[in-house]
């Protein structure tokens, strides 16, 4: 399941949440351009 939906605005709060997930021992942010979620991949279809 995506953590950010198509058309959703990526806010500072969203980025902070993704960084916390990525930093946890069992966390993984699918689709992140970097494993630590410091870079996100944005796709325009």
Protein backbone atom coordinates (compact mmCIF):
# COMPACT_ATOMS: atom_id res chain seq x y z
CA UNK A 1 0.00 0.00 0.00
CA UNK A 2 1.43 3.42 -0.89
CA UNK A 3 2.20 5.83 1.92
CA UNK A 4 1.47 8.84 -0.28
CA UNK A 5 -1.44 8.77 -2.69
CA UNK A 6 -1.44 10.15 -6.23
CA UNK A 7 -2.18 13.88 -6.14
CA UNK A 8 -1.45 14.15 -2.42
CA UNK A 9 0.70 17.09 -1.31
CA UNK A 10 3.88 15.90 0.39
CA UNK A 11 4.14 18.02 3.54
CA UNK A 12 6.98 18.42 6.02
CA UNK A 13 4.93 16.28 8.41
CA UNK A 14 4.71 13.48 5.82
CA UNK A 15 8.47 13.63 5.20
CA UNK A 16 9.16 13.55 8.96
CA UNK A 17 6.92 10.49 9.35
CA UNK A 18 8.65 8.69 6.48
CA UNK A 19 12.06 9.49 7.97
CA UNK A 20 10.97 8.02 11.33
CA UNK A 21 9.71 4.87 9.64
CA UNK A 22 12.94 4.50 7.65
CA UNK A 23 15.06 5.03 10.78
CA UNK A 24 13.28 2.35 12.80
CA UNK A 25 14.82 -1.12 12.90
CA UNK A 26 11.85 -2.72 11.15
CA UNK A 27 10.87 0.25 8.98
CA UNK A 28 11.01 0.41 5.21
CA UNK A 29 9.66 3.07 2.89
CA UNK A 30 8.75 1.40 -0.38
CA UNK A 31 9.54 3.51 -3.42
CA UNK A 32 11.96 5.83 -1.64
CA UNK A 33 14.91 6.82 -3.82
CA UNK A 34 17.21 6.41 -0.78
CA UNK A 35 16.96 3.74 1.92
CA UNK A 36 16.89 6.38 4.67
CA UNK A 37 14.02 8.22 2.90
CA UNK A 38 16.10 11.38 2.47
CA UNK A 39 15.09 11.32 -1.21
CA UNK A 40 11.66 10.46 -2.53
CA UNK A 41 10.82 9.39 -6.05
CA UNK A 42 7.97 11.35 -7.63
CA UNK A 43 6.40 9.82 -10.72
CA UNK A 44 4.37 11.75 -13.25
CA UNK A 45 2.19 9.45 -15.33
